[in-house]
Amino acid sequence: MRIVRFVISGSIATAVNLTTLFTLTHFAHLWYVLSSVIAFCIALFVSFILQKIWTFEDASMERAHIQAALFFVVIMAGLGINTTFVYCLVEYTGVHYLVAQLISGFFIAIMNYISYKHLVFQVAKIDAEHSPIVGVPKTQQSLAGQTSRSGEIES
């Protein structure tokens, strides 16, 4: 089911990306590469929210800043790959820029899913299951480390 949610979330972010790309290139007459970068950045925000909350079912805000930073690193790697791939497809093979973006998006999606699952949102799952002391579940830690009203640890 997670893959289905990933595909739907990604499709929404892709629709935002392509709509923005087309609008900026066709109506605002921006260079397609610049349009692609701007569209990618707008879709980034949409994607993070959908992937975090819906796809990977992580509504916690505790580690959101760390996840956002990791997500940004993954996305920036994707941006470099995407921009290079779109440019090469358009300039060297004559593929239309929207088709090039769709082709690139397919490969970026596979890379992103693997990265999100094993790097970005897995961190929160591991953290939620274990205390800072590796291997000790938080439930045991909270029972063992309850403090009295004076602030001393009870045993």
Protein backbone atom coordinates (compact mmCIF):
# COMPACT_ATOMS: atom_id res chain seq x y z
CA MET A 1 0.00 0.00 0.00
CA ARG A 2 2.93 2.35 0.70
CA ILE A 3 4.06 2.10 -2.91
CA VAL A 4 0.56 3.04 -4.09
CA ARG A 5 0.57 6.09 -1.79
CA PHE A 6 4.09 6.93 -3.01
CA VAL A 7 2.93 6.77 -6.63
CA ILE A 8 -0.15 8.92 -5.93
CA SER A 9 1.86 11.46 -3.93
CA GLY A 10 4.53 11.48 -6.61
CA SER A 11 1.89 11.90 -9.30
CA ILE A 12 0.49 14.94 -7.53
CA ALA A 13 3.98 16.43 -7.15
CA THR A 14 4.71 15.58 -10.79
CA ALA A 15 1.49 17.28 -11.90
CA VAL A 16 2.55 20.37 -9.96
CA ASN A 17 6.01 20.13 -11.54
CA LEU A 18 4.78 19.70 -15.12
CA THR A 19 2.05 22.35 -14.81
CA THR A 20 4.56 24.84 -13.45
CA LEU A 21 7.16 23.87 -16.07
CA PHE A 22 4.68 24.28 -18.91
CA THR A 23 3.23 27.53 -17.57
CA LEU A 24 6.63 29.14 -17.04
CA THR A 25 8.02 27.97 -20.38
CA HIS A 26 4.96 28.45 -22.58
CA PHE A 27 3.29 31.51 -21.06
CA ALA A 28 6.11 33.29 -19.18
CA HIS A 29 8.62 32.45 -21.97
CA LEU A 30 11.34 31.37 -19.55
CA TRP A 31 14.12 29.07 -20.78
CA TYR A 32 12.96 25.48 -20.24
CA VAL A 33 15.97 24.66 -18.02
CA LEU A 34 15.20 27.57 -15.67
CA SER A 35 11.51 26.63 -15.74
CA SER A 36 12.46 23.07 -14.87
CA VAL A 37 14.48 24.17 -11.84
CA ILE A 38 11.71 26.45 -10.54
CA ALA A 39 9.06 23.77 -11.09
CA PHE A 40 11.23 21.20 -9.35
CA CYS A 41 11.58 23.45 -6.28
CA ILE A 42 7.83 24.05 -5.99
CA ALA A 43 7.13 20.34 -6.37
CA LEU A 44 9.71 19.69 -3.63
CA PHE A 45 7.54 21.29 -0.98
CA VAL A 46 4.42 19.46 -2.12
CA SER A 47 6.30 16.16 -2.25
CA PHE A 48 7.84 16.45 1.23
CA ILE A 49 4.50 17.10 2.89
CA LEU A 50 2.72 14.27 1.05
CA GLN A 51 5.55 11.74 1.46
CA LYS A 52 6.11 12.45 5.14
CA ILE A 53 2.52 12.57 6.31
CA TRP A 54 0.67 10.30 3.91
CA THR A 55 3.08 7.87 2.25
CA PHE A 56 5.33 7.12 5.21
CA GLU A 57 2.65 7.93 7.83
CA ASP A 58 4.92 10.14 9.89
CA ALA A 59 3.00 13.09 11.33
CA SER A 60 5.55 13.76 14.07
CA MET A 61 7.23 17.12 14.04
CA GLU A 62 10.03 16.07 16.40
CA ARG A 63 12.52 15.17 13.65
CA ALA A 64 10.88 17.03 10.77
CA HIS A 65 13.83 19.41 10.41
CA ILE A 66 16.28 16.51 10.09
CA GLN A 67 13.98 14.71 7.68
CA ALA A 68 13.55 17.90 5.66
CA ALA A 69 17.34 18.29 5.44
CA LEU A 70 17.80 14.67 4.31
CA PHE A 71 14.88 15.01 1.92
CA PHE A 72 16.49 18.16 0.52
CA VAL A 73 19.80 16.35 -0.05
CA VAL A 74 18.02 13.54 -1.90
CA ILE A 75 16.03 16.06 -3.92
CA MET A 76 19.11 18.14 -4.79
CA ALA A 77 20.85 15.04 -6.07
CA GLY A 78 17.70 14.35 -8.08
CA LEU A 79 17.64 17.94 -9.32
CA GLY A 80 21.16 17.62 -10.69
CA ILE A 81 20.38 14.32 -12.36
CA ASN A 82 17.01 15.58 -13.62
CA THR A 83 18.36 18.81 -15.08
CA THR A 84 21.28 17.09 -16.78
CA PHE A 85 19.06 14.33 -18.16
CA VAL A 86 16.37 16.73 -19.43
CA TYR A 87 18.98 18.98 -21.03
CA CYS A 88 20.71 16.06 -22.76
CA LEU A 89 17.46 14.57 -24.02
CA VAL A 90 16.27 17.91 -25.42
CA GLU A 91 19.55 19.20 -26.83
CA TYR A 92 21.12 15.99 -28.11
CA THR A 93 18.18 13.78 -29.05
CA GLY A 94 15.51 16.37 -29.88
CA VAL A 95 12.99 15.03 -27.37
CA HIS A 96 10.30 17.57 -26.39
CA TYR A 97 11.07 19.08 -22.96
CA LEU A 98 7.85 17.73 -21.38
CA VAL A 99 8.55 14.20 -22.62
CA ALA A 100 12.14 14.52 -21.38
CA GLN A 101 10.83 15.58 -17.97
CA LEU A 102 8.49 12.57 -17.81
CA ILE A 103 11.27 10.14 -18.74
CA SER A 104 13.64 11.68 -16.20
CA GLY A 105 10.90 11.71 -13.57
CA PHE A 106 10.45 7.94 -13.82
CA PHE A 107 14.09 7.27 -12.95
CA ILE A 108 14.15 9.93 -10.25
CA ALA A 109 11.04 8.36 -8.68
CA ILE A 110 12.76 5.01 -8.22
CA MET A 111 15.81 6.66 -6.69
CA ASN A 112 13.64 8.76 -4.39
CA TYR A 113 11.50 5.90 -3.08
CA ILE A 114 14.54 3.90 -2.09
CA SER A 115 16.16 6.93 -0.47
CA TYR A 116 13.01 7.99 1.41
CA LYS A 117 12.32 4.49 2.67
CA HIS A 118 15.84 3.65 3.80
CA LEU A 119 17.25 7.06 4.70
CA VAL A 120 14.85 9.95 5.20
CA PHE A 121 11.81 8.45 6.93
CA GLN A 122 13.40 5.26 8.29
CA VAL A 123 15.36 7.42 10.73
CA ALA A 124 12.13 8.46 12.48
CA LYS A 125 10.96 4.84 12.73
CA ILE A 126 14.23 3.71 14.29
CA ASP A 127 14.23 6.68 16.67
CA ALA A 128 10.63 6.01 17.73
CA GLU A 129 11.38 2.38 18.52
CA HIS A 130 14.61 2.85 20.48
CA SER A 131 15.98 5.18 23.07
CA PRO A 132 19.26 7.07 22.75
CA ILE A 133 20.77 3.99 24.40
CA VAL A 134 21.00 1.68 21.40
CA GLY A 135 18.73 -1.33 21.58
CA VAL A 136 16.67 -0.22 24.60
CA PRO A 137 13.01 0.33 23.73
CA LYS A 138 11.66 3.72 24.84
CA THR A 139 8.97 2.06 26.96
CA GLN A 140 11.62 0.40 29.11
CA GLN A 141 13.62 3.61 29.27
CA SER A 142 10.62 5.63 30.48
CA LEU A 143 9.81 3.05 33.17
CA ALA A 144 13.42 2.83 34.35
CA GLY A 145 14.09 6.55 34.21
CA GLN A 146 11.00 8.10 35.79
CA THR A 147 11.85 11.09 37.90
CA SER A 148 10.42 12.02 41.24
CA ARG A 149 9.05 15.51 41.96
CA SER A 150 12.47 16.50 43.30
CA GLY A 151 14.01 15.69 39.89
CA GLU A 152 15.96 12.64 41.09
CA ILE A 153 15.77 9.45 39.10
CA GLU A 154 13.79 6.72 40.81
CA SER A 155 14.89 3.12 40.49
